[in-house]
N, C-alpha and C. Protein backbone atom coordinates (compact mmCIF):
# COMPACT_ATOMS: atom_id res chain seq x y z
N UNK A 1 80.79 90.67 94.40
CA UNK A 1 80.67 90.07 95.72
C UNK A 1 82.05 90.04 96.35
N UNK A 2 82.13 90.43 97.59
CA UNK A 2 83.39 90.43 98.29
C UNK A 2 83.67 89.02 98.81
N UNK A 3 84.67 88.40 98.27
CA UNK A 3 85.06 87.07 98.74
C UNK A 3 86.34 87.22 99.55
N UNK A 4 86.42 86.44 100.60
CA UNK A 4 87.60 86.54 101.43
C UNK A 4 88.79 85.90 100.74
N UNK A 5 89.96 86.40 101.05
CA UNK A 5 91.20 85.81 100.57
C UNK A 5 92.02 85.47 101.81
N UNK A 6 93.01 84.66 101.61
CA UNK A 6 93.83 84.30 102.77
C UNK A 6 95.24 84.87 102.59
N UNK A 7 95.32 86.14 102.21
CA UNK A 7 96.60 86.81 101.99
C UNK A 7 97.42 86.87 103.25
N UNK A 8 98.72 86.76 103.09
CA UNK A 8 99.61 86.73 104.25
C UNK A 8 99.71 88.08 104.94
N UNK A 9 99.18 89.15 104.34
CA UNK A 9 99.24 90.46 104.98
C UNK A 9 98.24 90.58 106.13
N UNK A 10 97.30 89.64 106.19
CA UNK A 10 96.30 89.67 107.27
C UNK A 10 96.91 89.18 108.57
N UNK A 11 96.45 89.72 109.71
CA UNK A 11 96.85 89.15 111.00
C UNK A 11 96.45 87.67 111.07
N UNK A 12 97.14 86.90 111.87
CA UNK A 12 96.95 85.45 111.90
C UNK A 12 95.49 85.03 112.13
N UNK A 13 94.76 85.61 113.11
CA UNK A 13 93.37 85.16 113.29
C UNK A 13 92.50 85.38 112.05
N UNK A 14 92.65 86.55 111.42
CA UNK A 14 91.88 86.84 110.21
C UNK A 14 92.31 85.96 109.05
N UNK A 15 93.60 85.66 108.97
CA UNK A 15 94.10 84.79 107.90
C UNK A 15 93.55 83.38 108.07
N UNK A 16 93.53 82.89 109.30
CA UNK A 16 92.97 81.57 109.56
C UNK A 16 91.48 81.52 109.21
N UNK A 17 90.76 82.56 109.60
CA UNK A 17 89.33 82.62 109.33
C UNK A 17 89.06 82.71 107.83
N UNK A 18 89.84 83.53 107.12
CA UNK A 18 89.66 83.67 105.67
C UNK A 18 89.98 82.35 104.97
N UNK A 19 91.03 81.69 105.42
CA UNK A 19 91.40 80.41 104.82
C UNK A 19 90.34 79.36 105.08
N UNK A 20 89.89 79.27 106.33
CA UNK A 20 88.85 78.30 106.67
C UNK A 20 87.59 78.57 105.87
N UNK A 21 87.21 79.84 105.72
CA UNK A 21 86.02 80.19 104.96
C UNK A 21 86.15 79.70 103.52
N UNK A 22 87.29 79.97 102.91
CA UNK A 22 87.50 79.55 101.52
C UNK A 22 87.45 78.03 101.39
N UNK A 23 88.14 77.33 102.29
CA UNK A 23 88.18 75.87 102.20
C UNK A 23 86.83 75.23 102.53
N UNK A 24 86.15 75.76 103.54
CA UNK A 24 84.82 75.23 103.86
C UNK A 24 83.86 75.43 102.69
N UNK A 25 83.98 76.59 102.02
CA UNK A 25 83.09 76.87 100.88
C UNK A 25 83.42 75.95 99.70
N UNK A 26 84.71 75.72 99.47
CA UNK A 26 85.12 74.89 98.33
C UNK A 26 84.89 73.40 98.57
N UNK A 27 85.26 72.92 99.76
CA UNK A 27 85.28 71.48 100.02
C UNK A 27 84.19 71.00 100.95
N UNK A 28 83.67 71.90 101.75
CA UNK A 28 82.75 71.50 102.81
C UNK A 28 83.50 71.42 104.13
N UNK A 29 82.78 71.71 105.19
CA UNK A 29 83.38 71.69 106.53
C UNK A 29 83.92 70.32 106.88
N UNK A 30 83.11 69.29 106.65
CA UNK A 30 83.50 67.94 107.07
C UNK A 30 84.64 67.36 106.24
N UNK A 31 84.89 67.93 105.06
CA UNK A 31 85.98 67.41 104.21
C UNK A 31 87.23 68.29 104.26
N UNK A 32 87.26 69.21 105.21
CA UNK A 32 88.42 70.09 105.38
C UNK A 32 89.07 69.76 106.72
N UNK A 33 90.36 69.44 106.67
CA UNK A 33 91.08 69.10 107.90
C UNK A 33 91.76 70.34 108.49
N UNK A 34 92.05 70.27 109.78
CA UNK A 34 92.80 71.32 110.44
C UNK A 34 94.16 71.48 109.77
N UNK A 35 94.78 70.37 109.39
CA UNK A 35 96.08 70.43 108.74
C UNK A 35 96.01 71.21 107.42
N UNK A 36 94.96 70.99 106.66
CA UNK A 36 94.81 71.73 105.39
C UNK A 36 94.62 73.22 105.65
N UNK A 37 93.90 73.56 106.69
CA UNK A 37 93.68 74.98 107.02
C UNK A 37 95.01 75.64 107.38
N UNK A 38 95.76 75.02 108.28
CA UNK A 38 97.00 75.67 108.73
C UNK A 38 98.04 75.72 107.60
N UNK A 39 98.12 74.68 106.79
CA UNK A 39 99.07 74.71 105.67
C UNK A 39 98.71 75.80 104.68
N UNK A 40 97.44 75.92 104.36
CA UNK A 40 97.01 76.94 103.41
C UNK A 40 97.18 78.35 103.96
N UNK A 41 96.99 78.50 105.27
CA UNK A 41 97.15 79.81 105.90
C UNK A 41 98.61 80.14 106.19
N UNK A 42 99.49 79.14 106.11
CA UNK A 42 100.91 79.36 106.36
C UNK A 42 101.23 79.57 107.83
N UNK A 43 100.49 78.86 108.70
CA UNK A 43 100.73 78.95 110.13
C UNK A 43 100.83 77.54 110.71
N UNK A 44 101.11 77.46 111.99
CA UNK A 44 101.20 76.17 112.65
C UNK A 44 99.87 75.83 113.32
N UNK A 45 99.73 74.55 113.67
CA UNK A 45 98.53 74.15 114.42
C UNK A 45 98.49 74.89 115.76
N UNK A 46 99.64 75.11 116.33
CA UNK A 46 99.71 75.85 117.60
C UNK A 46 99.10 77.24 117.47
N UNK A 47 99.36 77.89 116.33
CA UNK A 47 98.79 79.23 116.10
C UNK A 47 97.28 79.14 116.00
N UNK A 48 96.78 78.13 115.27
CA UNK A 48 95.33 77.97 115.15
C UNK A 48 94.71 77.79 116.53
N UNK A 49 95.29 76.87 117.32
CA UNK A 49 94.70 76.58 118.63
C UNK A 49 94.91 77.71 119.63
N UNK A 50 95.84 78.62 119.34
CA UNK A 50 96.01 79.80 120.18
C UNK A 50 94.80 80.74 120.02
N UNK A 51 94.31 80.85 118.80
CA UNK A 51 93.21 81.78 118.52
C UNK A 51 91.84 81.10 118.50
N UNK A 52 91.79 79.85 118.10
CA UNK A 52 90.53 79.12 117.99
C UNK A 52 90.73 77.77 118.67
N UNK A 53 89.83 77.42 119.54
CA UNK A 53 89.98 76.18 120.30
C UNK A 53 89.82 74.93 119.47
N UNK A 54 89.15 75.05 118.30
CA UNK A 54 88.87 73.87 117.49
C UNK A 54 88.42 74.30 116.10
N UNK A 55 88.30 73.33 115.22
CA UNK A 55 87.74 73.60 113.89
C UNK A 55 86.29 74.06 114.04
N UNK A 56 85.58 73.51 115.00
CA UNK A 56 84.20 73.93 115.27
C UNK A 56 84.13 75.41 115.63
N UNK A 57 85.13 75.90 116.40
CA UNK A 57 85.17 77.32 116.74
C UNK A 57 85.32 78.18 115.49
N UNK A 58 86.10 77.70 114.53
CA UNK A 58 86.24 78.42 113.26
C UNK A 58 84.89 78.48 112.54
N UNK A 59 84.19 77.36 112.49
CA UNK A 59 82.88 77.32 111.85
C UNK A 59 81.92 78.29 112.52
N UNK A 60 81.92 78.29 113.83
CA UNK A 60 81.04 79.20 114.57
C UNK A 60 81.39 80.65 114.24
N UNK A 61 82.66 80.97 114.19
CA UNK A 61 83.08 82.35 113.95
C UNK A 61 82.76 82.80 112.53
N UNK A 62 82.78 81.88 111.56
CA UNK A 62 82.40 82.22 110.19
C UNK A 62 81.01 82.86 110.19
N UNK A 63 80.11 82.26 110.92
CA UNK A 63 78.75 82.78 110.97
C UNK A 63 78.64 83.96 111.92
N UNK A 64 79.26 83.86 113.07
CA UNK A 64 79.09 84.87 114.12
C UNK A 64 79.58 86.24 113.66
N UNK A 65 80.64 86.30 112.87
CA UNK A 65 81.15 87.61 112.46
C UNK A 65 80.15 88.32 111.56
N UNK A 66 79.47 87.58 110.69
CA UNK A 66 78.47 88.20 109.83
C UNK A 66 77.25 88.62 110.65
N UNK A 67 76.83 87.76 111.56
CA UNK A 67 75.68 88.09 112.38
C UNK A 67 75.96 89.30 113.26
N UNK A 68 77.19 89.43 113.79
CA UNK A 68 77.54 90.61 114.60
C UNK A 68 77.40 91.88 113.76
N UNK A 69 77.93 91.83 112.54
CA UNK A 69 77.82 92.97 111.64
C UNK A 69 76.35 93.30 111.37
N UNK A 70 75.56 92.29 111.05
CA UNK A 70 74.15 92.52 110.75
C UNK A 70 73.39 93.03 111.96
N UNK A 71 73.72 92.53 113.14
CA UNK A 71 73.04 92.99 114.35
C UNK A 71 73.36 94.45 114.63
N UNK A 72 74.63 94.84 114.49
CA UNK A 72 75.02 96.23 114.70
C UNK A 72 74.27 97.15 113.74
N UNK A 73 74.19 96.74 112.49
CA UNK A 73 73.53 97.55 111.48
C UNK A 73 72.02 97.60 111.73
N UNK A 74 71.42 96.48 112.09
CA UNK A 74 69.99 96.47 112.39
C UNK A 74 69.69 97.38 113.57
N UNK A 75 70.50 97.30 114.61
CA UNK A 75 70.29 98.16 115.78
C UNK A 75 70.34 99.64 115.37
N UNK A 76 71.28 99.99 114.50
CA UNK A 76 71.38 101.38 114.04
C UNK A 76 70.14 101.79 113.25
N UNK A 77 69.67 100.93 112.36
CA UNK A 77 68.46 101.25 111.60
C UNK A 77 67.24 101.36 112.52
N UNK A 78 67.11 100.41 113.43
CA UNK A 78 65.94 100.39 114.33
C UNK A 78 65.91 101.62 115.24
N UNK A 79 67.10 102.10 115.63
CA UNK A 79 67.18 103.24 116.55
C UNK A 79 67.18 104.59 115.84
N UNK A 80 67.21 104.59 114.51
CA UNK A 80 67.28 105.84 113.75
C UNK A 80 66.03 106.69 113.95
N UNK A 81 66.19 107.97 113.73
CA UNK A 81 65.07 108.90 113.85
C UNK A 81 64.42 109.03 112.47
N UNK A 82 63.64 108.01 112.11
CA UNK A 82 62.99 107.96 110.81
C UNK A 82 61.66 107.23 110.97
N UNK A 83 60.73 107.42 110.03
CA UNK A 83 59.47 106.68 110.11
C UNK A 83 59.72 105.18 110.10
N UNK A 84 58.85 104.42 110.75
CA UNK A 84 59.04 102.98 110.87
C UNK A 84 59.12 102.30 109.50
N UNK A 85 58.37 102.79 108.53
CA UNK A 85 58.41 102.20 107.20
C UNK A 85 59.82 102.30 106.60
N UNK A 86 60.46 103.45 106.78
CA UNK A 86 61.82 103.64 106.25
C UNK A 86 62.83 102.78 107.02
N UNK A 87 62.68 102.72 108.35
CA UNK A 87 63.61 101.93 109.16
C UNK A 87 63.51 100.45 108.80
N UNK A 88 62.28 99.94 108.61
CA UNK A 88 62.12 98.54 108.24
C UNK A 88 62.68 98.28 106.85
N UNK A 89 62.39 99.17 105.90
CA UNK A 89 62.90 98.97 104.54
C UNK A 89 64.43 98.96 104.53
N UNK A 90 65.04 99.90 105.26
CA UNK A 90 66.51 99.96 105.32
C UNK A 90 67.07 98.67 105.92
N UNK A 91 66.45 98.20 106.99
CA UNK A 91 66.92 96.96 107.63
C UNK A 91 66.72 95.75 106.72
N UNK A 92 65.57 95.70 106.05
CA UNK A 92 65.28 94.57 105.16
C UNK A 92 66.24 94.52 103.99
N UNK A 93 66.58 95.68 103.42
CA UNK A 93 67.52 95.72 102.31
C UNK A 93 68.94 95.42 102.78
N UNK A 94 69.29 95.93 103.96
CA UNK A 94 70.66 95.75 104.45
C UNK A 94 71.00 94.28 104.70
N UNK A 95 70.07 93.52 105.25
CA UNK A 95 70.37 92.12 105.52
C UNK A 95 70.60 91.35 104.22
N UNK A 96 69.97 91.78 103.14
CA UNK A 96 70.19 91.16 101.84
C UNK A 96 71.59 91.49 101.34
N UNK A 97 71.95 92.76 101.37
CA UNK A 97 73.27 93.18 100.87
C UNK A 97 74.39 92.55 101.69
N UNK A 98 74.27 92.58 103.02
CA UNK A 98 75.35 92.02 103.84
C UNK A 98 75.43 90.50 103.70
N UNK A 99 74.33 89.85 103.42
CA UNK A 99 74.37 88.40 103.17
C UNK A 99 75.07 88.12 101.84
N UNK A 100 74.72 88.87 100.80
CA UNK A 100 75.37 88.67 99.50
C UNK A 100 76.85 89.01 99.59
N UNK A 101 77.19 90.06 100.32
CA UNK A 101 78.61 90.42 100.49
C UNK A 101 79.40 89.33 101.20
N UNK A 102 78.71 88.48 101.93
CA UNK A 102 79.35 87.39 102.68
C UNK A 102 78.71 86.06 102.29
N UNK A 103 78.54 85.86 101.00
CA UNK A 103 77.78 84.71 100.51
C UNK A 103 78.42 83.38 100.88
N UNK A 104 79.75 83.30 100.84
CA UNK A 104 80.41 82.06 101.25
C UNK A 104 80.07 81.72 102.69
N UNK A 105 80.11 82.74 103.55
CA UNK A 105 79.82 82.52 104.97
C UNK A 105 78.40 81.99 105.15
N UNK A 106 77.46 82.60 104.43
CA UNK A 106 76.07 82.17 104.54
C UNK A 106 75.90 80.74 104.05
N UNK A 107 76.52 80.42 102.92
CA UNK A 107 76.41 79.07 102.37
C UNK A 107 77.01 78.04 103.32
N UNK A 108 78.16 78.36 103.87
CA UNK A 108 78.83 77.45 104.81
C UNK A 108 77.92 77.21 106.02
N UNK A 109 77.37 78.29 106.54
CA UNK A 109 76.56 78.15 107.73
C UNK A 109 75.36 77.24 107.49
N UNK A 110 74.62 77.49 106.43
CA UNK A 110 73.41 76.71 106.22
C UNK A 110 73.70 75.27 105.83
N UNK A 111 74.87 75.02 105.23
CA UNK A 111 75.25 73.64 104.91
C UNK A 111 75.82 72.91 106.11
N UNK A 112 76.41 73.66 107.04
CA UNK A 112 77.24 73.02 108.07
C UNK A 112 76.80 73.27 109.51
N UNK A 113 75.72 73.98 109.74
CA UNK A 113 75.31 74.27 111.11
C UNK A 113 75.14 73.01 111.95
N UNK A 114 74.72 71.93 111.31
CA UNK A 114 74.49 70.68 112.06
C UNK A 114 75.78 70.10 112.63
N UNK A 115 76.94 70.61 112.18
CA UNK A 115 78.22 70.14 112.72
C UNK A 115 78.57 70.81 114.05
N UNK A 116 77.85 71.86 114.41
CA UNK A 116 78.11 72.53 115.69
C UNK A 116 77.60 71.66 116.83
N UNK A 117 78.35 71.62 117.90
CA UNK A 117 77.93 70.89 119.08
C UNK A 117 76.75 71.58 119.75
N UNK A 118 76.13 70.93 120.72
CA UNK A 118 74.92 71.47 121.36
C UNK A 118 75.09 72.88 121.93
N UNK A 119 76.23 73.13 122.57
CA UNK A 119 76.42 74.45 123.20
C UNK A 119 76.56 75.55 122.16
N UNK A 120 77.37 75.32 121.14
CA UNK A 120 77.53 76.33 120.07
C UNK A 120 76.23 76.50 119.30
N UNK A 121 75.52 75.39 119.08
CA UNK A 121 74.25 75.45 118.37
C UNK A 121 73.26 76.31 119.14
N UNK A 122 73.22 76.13 120.45
CA UNK A 122 72.33 76.91 121.31
C UNK A 122 72.71 78.39 121.26
N UNK A 123 74.00 78.67 121.25
CA UNK A 123 74.48 80.05 121.19
C UNK A 123 74.08 80.71 119.86
N UNK A 124 74.26 79.99 118.75
CA UNK A 124 73.89 80.52 117.45
C UNK A 124 72.39 80.79 117.38
N UNK A 125 71.60 79.85 117.88
CA UNK A 125 70.15 80.04 117.86
C UNK A 125 69.75 81.28 118.67
N UNK A 126 70.41 81.50 119.80
CA UNK A 126 70.11 82.67 120.63
C UNK A 126 70.50 83.96 119.90
N UNK A 127 71.64 83.95 119.22
CA UNK A 127 72.07 85.13 118.47
C UNK A 127 71.11 85.43 117.32
N UNK A 128 70.70 84.40 116.61
CA UNK A 128 69.74 84.59 115.51
C UNK A 128 68.39 85.06 116.03
N UNK A 129 67.96 84.50 117.16
CA UNK A 129 66.68 84.88 117.74
C UNK A 129 66.69 86.37 118.11
N UNK A 130 67.79 86.84 118.69
CA UNK A 130 67.90 88.25 119.06
C UNK A 130 67.75 89.13 117.82
N UNK A 131 68.39 88.74 116.74
CA UNK A 131 68.30 89.51 115.50
C UNK A 131 66.85 89.51 114.98
N UNK A 132 66.25 88.34 114.91
CA UNK A 132 64.90 88.22 114.37
C UNK A 132 63.89 88.97 115.25
N UNK A 133 64.09 88.95 116.57
CA UNK A 133 63.17 89.65 117.47
C UNK A 133 63.26 91.16 117.28
N UNK A 134 64.47 91.65 117.05
CA UNK A 134 64.62 93.11 116.82
C UNK A 134 63.96 93.49 115.50
N UNK A 135 64.13 92.66 114.49
CA UNK A 135 63.51 92.90 113.19
C UNK A 135 61.98 92.84 113.32
N UNK A 136 61.49 91.82 114.03
CA UNK A 136 60.06 91.66 114.23
C UNK A 136 59.47 92.85 114.98
N UNK A 137 60.23 93.42 115.92
CA UNK A 137 59.75 94.57 116.69
C UNK A 137 59.45 95.75 115.77
N UNK A 138 60.21 95.89 114.68
CA UNK A 138 59.92 96.96 113.72
C UNK A 138 58.59 96.70 113.01
N UNK A 139 58.38 95.45 112.63
CA UNK A 139 57.11 95.08 111.99
C UNK A 139 55.95 95.35 112.95
N UNK A 140 56.10 94.92 114.19
CA UNK A 140 55.04 95.11 115.19
C UNK A 140 54.80 96.59 115.48
N UNK A 141 55.85 97.37 115.51
CA UNK A 141 55.69 98.82 115.73
C UNK A 141 54.82 99.42 114.63
N UNK A 142 55.11 99.04 113.39
CA UNK A 142 54.31 99.54 112.28
C UNK A 142 52.88 99.03 112.30
N UNK A 143 52.71 97.78 112.70
CA UNK A 143 51.36 97.23 112.79
C UNK A 143 50.57 97.90 113.90
N UNK A 144 51.21 98.09 115.06
CA UNK A 144 50.52 98.70 116.20
C UNK A 144 50.11 100.14 115.91
N UNK A 145 50.90 100.83 115.09
CA UNK A 145 50.60 102.24 114.79
C UNK A 145 49.70 102.40 113.57
N UNK A 146 49.35 101.29 112.92
CA UNK A 146 48.47 101.35 111.76
C UNK A 146 49.17 101.64 110.45
N UNK A 147 50.50 101.78 110.47
CA UNK A 147 51.27 102.03 109.25
C UNK A 147 51.29 100.77 108.39
N UNK A 148 51.38 99.60 109.05
CA UNK A 148 51.38 98.32 108.36
C UNK A 148 50.09 97.56 108.67
N UNK A 149 49.70 96.72 107.74
CA UNK A 149 48.56 95.83 107.98
C UNK A 149 48.92 94.82 109.06
N UNK A 150 47.95 94.54 109.91
CA UNK A 150 48.15 93.53 110.95
C UNK A 150 47.48 92.22 110.56
N UNK A 151 47.08 92.09 109.29
CA UNK A 151 46.37 90.89 108.84
C UNK A 151 47.24 89.64 108.93
N UNK A 152 48.54 89.80 108.72
CA UNK A 152 49.47 88.68 108.81
C UNK A 152 50.29 88.84 110.09
N UNK A 153 50.39 87.80 110.91
CA UNK A 153 51.19 87.92 112.14
C UNK A 153 52.63 88.31 111.83
N UNK A 154 53.19 89.13 112.70
CA UNK A 154 54.56 89.64 112.50
C UNK A 154 55.56 88.50 112.34
N UNK A 155 55.40 87.40 113.08
CA UNK A 155 56.32 86.27 112.97
C UNK A 155 56.36 85.72 111.54
N UNK A 156 55.19 85.61 110.92
CA UNK A 156 55.14 85.10 109.55
C UNK A 156 55.76 86.08 108.56
N UNK A 157 55.57 87.35 108.81
CA UNK A 157 56.18 88.37 107.95
C UNK A 157 57.70 88.24 108.00
N UNK A 158 58.24 88.09 109.21
CA UNK A 158 59.69 87.96 109.39
C UNK A 158 60.18 86.67 108.73
N UNK A 159 59.46 85.56 108.94
CA UNK A 159 59.87 84.29 108.32
C UNK A 159 59.85 84.38 106.80
N UNK A 160 58.88 85.08 106.25
CA UNK A 160 58.76 85.28 104.81
C UNK A 160 60.02 85.97 104.27
N UNK A 161 60.41 87.06 104.92
CA UNK A 161 61.59 87.81 104.43
C UNK A 161 62.87 86.99 104.60
N UNK A 162 63.05 86.40 105.77
CA UNK A 162 64.30 85.69 106.02
C UNK A 162 64.38 84.37 105.26
N UNK A 163 63.24 83.81 104.90
CA UNK A 163 63.27 82.65 104.00
C UNK A 163 63.94 83.01 102.70
N UNK A 164 63.63 84.19 102.17
CA UNK A 164 64.27 84.66 100.93
C UNK A 164 65.76 84.92 101.15
N UNK A 165 66.09 85.55 102.26
CA UNK A 165 67.49 85.86 102.55
C UNK A 165 68.31 84.58 102.69
N UNK A 166 67.77 83.60 103.39
CA UNK A 166 68.52 82.37 103.64
C UNK A 166 68.77 81.55 102.38
N UNK A 167 68.00 81.79 101.33
CA UNK A 167 68.20 81.04 100.08
C UNK A 167 69.08 81.77 99.07
N UNK A 168 69.56 82.96 99.41
CA UNK A 168 70.38 83.71 98.46
C UNK A 168 71.60 82.91 98.00
N UNK A 169 72.20 82.18 98.91
CA UNK A 169 73.43 81.46 98.55
C UNK A 169 73.17 80.33 97.57
N UNK A 170 71.91 79.93 97.38
CA UNK A 170 71.61 78.85 96.44
C UNK A 170 71.43 79.34 95.01
N UNK A 171 71.18 80.64 94.83
CA UNK A 171 70.92 81.09 93.47
C UNK A 171 71.66 82.36 93.05
N UNK A 172 72.06 83.22 94.00
CA UNK A 172 72.67 84.49 93.58
C UNK A 172 74.06 84.26 93.02
N UNK A 173 74.35 84.91 91.89
CA UNK A 173 75.67 84.86 91.26
C UNK A 173 76.14 86.28 91.00
N UNK A 174 77.37 86.58 91.40
CA UNK A 174 77.87 87.95 91.22
C UNK A 174 77.93 88.39 89.76
N UNK A 175 78.02 87.44 88.84
CA UNK A 175 78.07 87.79 87.42
C UNK A 175 76.68 87.77 86.78
N UNK A 176 75.65 87.64 87.60
CA UNK A 176 74.27 87.62 87.10
C UNK A 176 73.76 89.01 86.80
N UNK A 177 72.51 89.12 86.41
CA UNK A 177 71.96 90.40 85.96
C UNK A 177 71.64 91.40 87.07
N UNK A 178 71.57 90.94 88.32
CA UNK A 178 71.18 91.82 89.42
C UNK A 178 72.34 92.10 90.36
N UNK A 179 72.52 93.36 90.70
CA UNK A 179 73.52 93.73 91.70
C UNK A 179 72.98 93.37 93.08
N UNK A 180 73.84 93.30 94.08
CA UNK A 180 73.34 93.06 95.44
C UNK A 180 72.29 94.09 95.86
N UNK A 181 72.52 95.36 95.53
CA UNK A 181 71.57 96.39 95.92
C UNK A 181 70.24 96.23 95.19
N UNK A 182 70.28 95.81 93.93
CA UNK A 182 69.02 95.60 93.19
C UNK A 182 68.21 94.48 93.82
N UNK A 183 68.86 93.38 94.18
CA UNK A 183 68.16 92.28 94.86
C UNK A 183 67.58 92.77 96.18
N UNK A 184 68.39 93.53 96.91
CA UNK A 184 67.96 94.06 98.21
C UNK A 184 66.73 94.95 98.05
N UNK A 185 66.76 95.82 97.04
CA UNK A 185 65.64 96.72 96.82
C UNK A 185 64.37 95.95 96.46
N UNK A 186 64.50 94.95 95.59
CA UNK A 186 63.33 94.15 95.20
C UNK A 186 62.73 93.43 96.40
N UNK A 187 63.58 92.79 97.20
CA UNK A 187 63.06 92.02 98.35
C UNK A 187 62.49 92.94 99.42
N UNK A 188 63.12 94.07 99.65
CA UNK A 188 62.59 95.02 100.64
C UNK A 188 61.24 95.57 100.17
N UNK A 189 61.14 95.86 98.88
CA UNK A 189 59.87 96.36 98.35
C UNK A 189 58.77 95.30 98.44
N UNK A 190 59.12 94.05 98.18
CA UNK A 190 58.14 92.97 98.32
C UNK A 190 57.63 92.89 99.76
N UNK A 191 58.54 93.01 100.70
CA UNK A 191 58.16 92.97 102.11
C UNK A 191 57.19 94.10 102.44
N UNK A 192 57.53 95.31 102.01
CA UNK A 192 56.66 96.44 102.33
C UNK A 192 55.31 96.36 101.63
N UNK A 193 55.30 95.83 100.41
CA UNK A 193 54.01 95.65 99.72
C UNK A 193 53.14 94.64 100.48
N UNK A 194 53.76 93.61 101.02
CA UNK A 194 53.02 92.61 101.79
C UNK A 194 52.42 93.20 103.06
N UNK A 195 53.01 94.27 103.57
CA UNK A 195 52.55 94.90 104.81
C UNK A 195 51.63 96.09 104.57
N UNK A 196 51.43 96.44 103.31
CA UNK A 196 50.61 97.62 103.02
C UNK A 196 49.18 97.43 103.54
N UNK A 197 48.63 98.43 104.24
CA UNK A 197 47.26 98.30 104.77
C UNK A 197 46.23 98.25 103.65
C-alpha cells in the first residue's frame, strides 16, 4: 500500500498535505493541531495558510485529491471503446485499487467528514454524487441494452459495490493474504455476477 510520507523533498503544499494525512490517520483530525502539522512538515503557519485557508481545507483536500483521481479514471473507463461489461468491470476494480492505494485518505474521510462545515460538506457530496452517477450510468447502459439484469435497480447495485469499497479501510491490511488487485478482482467479479441476466 502506498502511504504518504512528509519528506522535505516535496513542494510545500504536498508536504503539508502528506503530513496532515499522516497525522490525521495516526491521531484523528480533531486531535491534530495546526501547530503539530506545521512543525512536523517543517514549515511556518504562514506557509500553511498561504496554501490552505484552514485545517478544514486540508481535510477536504485529503479526500478531494483521491476523488479527482478516481473521477478522471472512471471517465476514461466509461468513455473507452469497449463493451459495457468490460468498462464497468474495469471501473469497479479501479475504485477498489485506488482506494486501497490511498487507504489513509479513505479512513480519514469516513472518520472525519462530519468535521467539514456545511459548504465543504455540500461540495463533497456533489463531487461524490457526480462520481456515483457516472458509475450508475454504466450499470444503466448495460441494463437498458440487456447485457445486465434489470431486476435490481441501478441505484442499489451502485450502493452495494460502494458499500464494500467504503469499508476497505476497516479491514484491509497490506500484509494480509490479498493484494489490492486481488481484492479488486473479487469485488468486481461479485458485482458482475450480481448483474448477470
